[in-house]
Amino acid sequence: MFDKEKLAEMKEQRDRWEKTTLQQTLSRRPERRERFITASGRPVERLYTPLEVADLDYERDLGFPGEYPFTRGIHPTMYRGRLWTMRMFAGYGTAEETNARYKYLL
């Protein structure tokens, strides 16, 4: 999806940033936690760049709003047609982990 030369440049720039800007700040003020995770226990990296999605197939992996795999929402007009709604979620990690947890609680 991205130009290979640009990705190589970005990797060099990220490495430079980590060794200079980031390390200077961390030496003065460390992060609040050693590890950050989502509500599902998945790790959250410090920085995301196009390097993490270099092999992304736009149509297969991301798609268009209102179409499978619905990563951009179920409505084709996204928030322009309807405001975002906050909904409760039930679950724990993967579907298998959620199922095991519910069985344990019963």
N, C-alpha and C. Protein backbone atom coordinates (compact mmCIF):
# COMPACT_ATOMS: atom_id res chain seq x y z
N MET A 1 0.82 -1.19 0.00
CA MET A 1 0.00 0.00 0.00
C MET A 1 0.87 1.26 0.00
N PHE A 2 2.06 1.18 0.54
CA PHE A 2 2.94 2.34 0.61
C PHE A 2 4.20 2.10 -0.19
N ASP A 3 4.83 3.16 -0.61
CA ASP A 3 6.08 3.12 -1.35
C ASP A 3 7.19 2.56 -0.45
N LYS A 4 7.92 1.57 -0.93
CA LYS A 4 8.95 0.89 -0.11
C LYS A 4 10.06 1.85 0.33
N GLU A 5 10.43 2.78 -0.54
CA GLU A 5 11.46 3.76 -0.17
C GLU A 5 10.97 4.66 0.96
N LYS A 6 9.72 5.09 0.87
CA LYS A 6 9.15 5.94 1.93
C LYS A 6 9.08 5.18 3.25
N LEU A 7 8.75 3.90 3.18
CA LEU A 7 8.71 3.09 4.40
C LEU A 7 10.09 2.96 5.03
N ALA A 8 11.11 2.77 4.20
CA ALA A 8 12.48 2.68 4.72
C ALA A 8 12.88 4.00 5.37
N GLU A 9 12.52 5.11 4.74
CA GLU A 9 12.79 6.44 5.32
C GLU A 9 12.08 6.59 6.66
N MET A 10 10.82 6.17 6.69
CA MET A 10 10.04 6.29 7.92
C MET A 10 10.66 5.47 9.03
N LYS A 11 11.16 4.27 8.73
CA LYS A 11 11.81 3.44 9.75
C LYS A 11 13.04 4.15 10.29
N GLU A 12 13.84 4.74 9.42
CA GLU A 12 15.01 5.50 9.86
C GLU A 12 14.60 6.67 10.75
N GLN A 13 13.55 7.37 10.36
CA GLN A 13 13.09 8.52 11.14
C GLN A 13 12.53 8.08 12.49
N ARG A 14 11.82 6.95 12.52
CA ARG A 14 11.31 6.45 13.79
C ARG A 14 12.45 6.04 14.71
N ASP A 15 13.46 5.36 14.15
CA ASP A 15 14.63 4.98 14.95
C ASP A 15 15.33 6.21 15.50
N ARG A 16 15.48 7.24 14.67
CA ARG A 16 16.11 8.49 15.11
C ARG A 16 15.30 9.11 16.24
N TRP A 17 13.98 9.17 16.06
CA TRP A 17 13.09 9.74 17.06
C TRP A 17 13.21 9.01 18.40
N GLU A 18 13.24 7.66 18.34
CA GLU A 18 13.35 6.87 19.57
C GLU A 18 14.66 7.14 20.30
N LYS A 19 15.76 7.26 19.55
CA LYS A 19 17.08 7.45 20.16
C LYS A 19 17.30 8.87 20.67
N THR A 20 16.63 9.84 20.10
CA THR A 20 16.86 11.24 20.49
C THR A 20 15.68 11.80 21.28
N THR A 21 14.68 12.23 20.59
CA THR A 21 13.54 12.91 21.20
C THR A 21 12.89 12.09 22.31
N LEU A 22 12.55 10.85 22.02
CA LEU A 22 11.88 10.02 23.01
C LEU A 22 12.77 9.75 24.21
N GLN A 23 14.01 9.31 23.98
CA GLN A 23 14.90 8.98 25.09
C GLN A 23 15.19 10.17 25.99
N GLN A 24 15.32 11.36 25.40
CA GLN A 24 15.55 12.56 26.21
C GLN A 24 14.38 12.79 27.17
N THR A 25 13.19 12.64 26.66
CA THR A 25 12.01 12.84 27.49
C THR A 25 11.87 11.75 28.54
N LEU A 26 12.08 10.49 28.15
CA LEU A 26 11.96 9.39 29.10
C LEU A 26 13.01 9.46 30.21
N SER A 27 14.17 10.00 29.92
CA SER A 27 15.20 10.11 30.95
C SER A 27 14.80 11.14 32.01
N ARG A 28 14.03 12.14 31.61
CA ARG A 28 13.57 13.15 32.56
C ARG A 28 12.26 12.75 33.24
N ARG A 29 11.41 12.11 32.46
CA ARG A 29 10.08 11.77 32.98
C ARG A 29 9.60 10.46 32.37
N PRO A 30 9.73 9.37 33.11
CA PRO A 30 9.31 8.07 32.59
C PRO A 30 7.79 8.02 32.37
N GLU A 31 7.36 7.06 31.60
CA GLU A 31 5.93 6.88 31.36
C GLU A 31 5.25 6.39 32.64
N ARG A 32 3.95 6.58 32.71
CA ARG A 32 3.18 6.22 33.91
C ARG A 32 3.20 4.73 34.18
N ARG A 33 3.26 3.94 33.13
CA ARG A 33 3.26 2.48 33.26
C ARG A 33 4.31 1.89 32.35
N GLU A 34 4.70 0.68 32.67
CA GLU A 34 5.64 -0.02 31.81
C GLU A 34 4.94 -0.54 30.56
N ARG A 35 3.67 -0.92 30.73
CA ARG A 35 2.92 -1.54 29.64
C ARG A 35 1.51 -0.96 29.59
N PHE A 36 1.03 -0.65 28.40
CA PHE A 36 -0.34 -0.17 28.22
C PHE A 36 -1.11 -1.23 27.45
N ILE A 37 -2.36 -1.48 27.87
CA ILE A 37 -3.18 -2.50 27.22
C ILE A 37 -4.61 -1.99 27.05
N THR A 38 -5.34 -2.61 26.13
CA THR A 38 -6.75 -2.28 25.92
C THR A 38 -7.60 -3.01 26.95
N ALA A 39 -8.91 -2.74 26.93
CA ALA A 39 -9.83 -3.43 27.83
C ALA A 39 -9.83 -4.94 27.57
N SER A 40 -9.44 -5.34 26.38
CA SER A 40 -9.38 -6.77 26.04
C SER A 40 -8.01 -7.38 26.32
N GLY A 41 -7.10 -6.61 26.89
CA GLY A 41 -5.79 -7.13 27.23
C GLY A 41 -4.78 -7.11 26.10
N ARG A 42 -5.10 -6.44 25.02
CA ARG A 42 -4.17 -6.36 23.89
C ARG A 42 -3.19 -5.21 24.12
N PRO A 43 -1.91 -5.41 23.82
CA PRO A 43 -0.93 -4.35 24.05
C PRO A 43 -1.15 -3.15 23.13
N VAL A 44 -0.87 -1.95 23.66
CA VAL A 44 -0.94 -0.72 22.89
C VAL A 44 0.49 -0.21 22.74
N GLU A 45 0.93 -0.09 21.52
CA GLU A 45 2.29 0.38 21.26
C GLU A 45 2.40 1.88 21.52
N ARG A 46 3.59 2.35 21.72
CA ARG A 46 3.84 3.76 21.99
C ARG A 46 3.51 4.63 20.78
N LEU A 47 3.81 4.13 19.59
CA LEU A 47 3.62 4.91 18.37
C LEU A 47 3.23 3.99 17.23
N TYR A 48 2.25 4.41 16.48
CA TYR A 48 1.84 3.68 15.27
C TYR A 48 2.13 4.55 14.06
N THR A 49 2.71 3.95 13.04
CA THR A 49 3.03 4.65 11.80
C THR A 49 2.57 3.79 10.63
N PRO A 50 2.71 4.25 9.41
CA PRO A 50 2.38 3.41 8.26
C PRO A 50 3.17 2.10 8.21
N LEU A 51 4.27 2.01 8.95
CA LEU A 51 5.04 0.76 8.97
C LEU A 51 4.21 -0.41 9.49
N GLU A 52 3.30 -0.13 10.42
CA GLU A 52 2.47 -1.20 10.99
C GLU A 52 1.41 -1.70 10.01
N VAL A 53 1.10 -0.91 9.01
CA VAL A 53 0.06 -1.31 8.05
C VAL A 53 0.61 -1.38 6.64
N ALA A 54 1.91 -1.60 6.52
CA ALA A 54 2.56 -1.61 5.21
C ALA A 54 1.97 -2.66 4.28
N ASP A 55 1.55 -3.78 4.83
CA ASP A 55 1.00 -4.86 4.01
C ASP A 55 -0.53 -4.87 4.00
N LEU A 56 -1.13 -3.79 4.44
CA LEU A 56 -2.59 -3.71 4.50
C LEU A 56 -3.20 -3.77 3.11
N ASP A 57 -4.20 -4.60 2.97
CA ASP A 57 -5.00 -4.63 1.75
C ASP A 57 -6.24 -3.80 2.07
N TYR A 58 -6.31 -2.60 1.52
CA TYR A 58 -7.35 -1.64 1.89
C TYR A 58 -8.75 -2.24 1.78
N GLU A 59 -9.07 -2.83 0.66
CA GLU A 59 -10.43 -3.36 0.47
C GLU A 59 -10.73 -4.55 1.37
N ARG A 60 -9.78 -5.45 1.53
CA ARG A 60 -10.01 -6.65 2.35
C ARG A 60 -9.97 -6.33 3.84
N ASP A 61 -8.98 -5.55 4.28
CA ASP A 61 -8.75 -5.35 5.71
C ASP A 61 -9.49 -4.15 6.31
N LEU A 62 -9.72 -3.12 5.52
CA LEU A 62 -10.36 -1.91 6.05
C LEU A 62 -11.74 -1.71 5.44
N GLY A 63 -11.80 -1.68 4.15
CA GLY A 63 -13.09 -1.57 3.47
C GLY A 63 -13.69 -0.18 3.52
N PHE A 64 -14.92 -0.10 3.07
CA PHE A 64 -15.64 1.16 2.99
C PHE A 64 -16.73 1.20 4.05
N PRO A 65 -17.11 2.39 4.51
CA PRO A 65 -18.16 2.50 5.53
C PRO A 65 -19.46 1.85 5.05
N GLY A 66 -20.10 1.10 5.93
CA GLY A 66 -21.36 0.45 5.62
C GLY A 66 -21.22 -0.88 4.91
N GLU A 67 -19.99 -1.33 4.68
CA GLU A 67 -19.76 -2.61 4.01
C GLU A 67 -18.82 -3.48 4.84
N TYR A 68 -18.94 -4.79 4.63
CA TYR A 68 -18.06 -5.75 5.30
C TYR A 68 -16.60 -5.37 5.05
N PRO A 69 -15.72 -5.43 6.03
CA PRO A 69 -15.84 -5.99 7.38
C PRO A 69 -16.31 -4.99 8.45
N PHE A 70 -16.91 -3.88 8.07
CA PHE A 70 -17.51 -2.90 8.98
C PHE A 70 -16.51 -2.28 9.95
N THR A 71 -15.24 -2.22 9.58
CA THR A 71 -14.24 -1.59 10.44
C THR A 71 -14.41 -0.08 10.47
N ARG A 72 -15.15 0.46 9.50
CA ARG A 72 -15.38 1.91 9.46
C ARG A 72 -16.83 2.24 9.81
N GLY A 73 -17.51 1.32 10.46
CA GLY A 73 -18.87 1.56 10.90
C GLY A 73 -19.91 0.89 10.03
N ILE A 74 -21.12 0.80 10.57
CA ILE A 74 -22.20 0.12 9.85
C ILE A 74 -22.96 1.06 8.93
N HIS A 75 -22.79 2.36 9.09
CA HIS A 75 -23.51 3.33 8.28
C HIS A 75 -22.61 3.89 7.18
N PRO A 76 -23.06 3.89 5.92
CA PRO A 76 -22.25 4.43 4.83
C PRO A 76 -21.92 5.91 5.01
N THR A 77 -22.81 6.65 5.70
CA THR A 77 -22.56 8.08 5.90
C THR A 77 -21.80 8.35 7.20
N MET A 78 -21.45 7.31 7.90
CA MET A 78 -20.71 7.40 9.16
C MET A 78 -21.38 8.42 10.08
N TYR A 79 -20.64 9.29 10.75
CA TYR A 79 -21.23 10.22 11.70
C TYR A 79 -21.98 11.37 11.04
N ARG A 80 -21.85 11.55 9.74
CA ARG A 80 -22.55 12.64 9.06
C ARG A 80 -24.05 12.40 9.01
N GLY A 81 -24.45 11.14 8.98
CA GLY A 81 -25.87 10.81 8.95
C GLY A 81 -26.45 10.59 10.34
N ARG A 82 -25.65 10.02 11.23
CA ARG A 82 -26.05 9.76 12.61
C ARG A 82 -24.86 10.01 13.50
N LEU A 83 -25.12 10.61 14.65
CA LEU A 83 -24.03 10.83 15.60
C LEU A 83 -23.56 9.49 16.14
N TRP A 84 -22.30 9.45 16.59
CA TRP A 84 -21.78 8.24 17.21
C TRP A 84 -22.60 7.95 18.46
N THR A 85 -22.80 6.71 18.74
CA THR A 85 -23.51 6.34 19.96
C THR A 85 -22.56 5.58 20.87
N MET A 86 -22.74 5.81 22.15
CA MET A 86 -21.96 5.08 23.14
C MET A 86 -22.79 3.88 23.56
N ARG A 87 -22.24 2.71 23.43
CA ARG A 87 -22.97 1.51 23.80
C ARG A 87 -22.12 0.68 24.74
N MET A 88 -22.82 0.03 25.63
CA MET A 88 -22.12 -0.87 26.54
C MET A 88 -21.69 -2.10 25.76
N PHE A 89 -20.62 -2.70 26.19
CA PHE A 89 -20.21 -3.95 25.56
C PHE A 89 -20.05 -5.00 26.64
N ALA A 90 -20.29 -6.20 26.25
CA ALA A 90 -20.10 -7.32 27.14
C ALA A 90 -19.10 -8.25 26.47
N GLY A 91 -18.14 -8.65 27.21
CA GLY A 91 -17.16 -9.54 26.63
C GLY A 91 -15.84 -9.44 27.37
N TYR A 92 -14.98 -10.33 27.02
CA TYR A 92 -13.70 -10.41 27.70
C TYR A 92 -12.71 -11.02 26.72
N GLY A 93 -11.88 -10.21 26.11
CA GLY A 93 -10.88 -10.73 25.19
C GLY A 93 -11.51 -11.31 23.94
N THR A 94 -11.18 -12.53 23.63
CA THR A 94 -11.70 -13.18 22.43
C THR A 94 -13.07 -13.80 22.71
N ALA A 95 -13.73 -14.25 21.67
CA ALA A 95 -15.03 -14.91 21.83
C ALA A 95 -14.90 -16.15 22.71
N GLU A 96 -13.83 -16.89 22.53
CA GLU A 96 -13.62 -18.11 23.33
C GLU A 96 -13.43 -17.75 24.81
N GLU A 97 -12.65 -16.70 25.08
CA GLU A 97 -12.42 -16.28 26.47
C GLU A 97 -13.72 -15.79 27.11
N THR A 98 -14.52 -15.06 26.34
CA THR A 98 -15.81 -14.58 26.85
C THR A 98 -16.71 -15.75 27.18
N ASN A 99 -16.80 -16.72 26.29
CA ASN A 99 -17.63 -17.90 26.52
C ASN A 99 -17.18 -18.65 27.77
N ALA A 100 -15.88 -18.83 27.92
CA ALA A 100 -15.35 -19.52 29.10
C ALA A 100 -15.68 -18.75 30.37
N ARG A 101 -15.57 -17.43 30.32
CA ARG A 101 -15.85 -16.59 31.49
C ARG A 101 -17.33 -16.70 31.89
N TYR A 102 -18.22 -16.61 30.90
CA TYR A 102 -19.65 -16.73 31.20
C TYR A 102 -19.98 -18.09 31.79
N LYS A 103 -19.39 -19.15 31.26
CA LYS A 103 -19.63 -20.49 31.80
C LYS A 103 -19.13 -20.59 33.23
N TYR A 104 -17.98 -19.97 33.50
CA TYR A 104 -17.43 -19.96 34.85
C TYR A 104 -18.37 -19.24 35.81
N LEU A 105 -18.91 -18.11 35.38
CA LEU A 105 -19.79 -17.31 36.24
C LEU A 105 -21.13 -17.99 36.50
N LEU A 106 -21.56 -18.83 35.56
CA LEU A 106 -22.83 -19.55 35.76
C LEU A 106 -22.62 -20.66 36.75
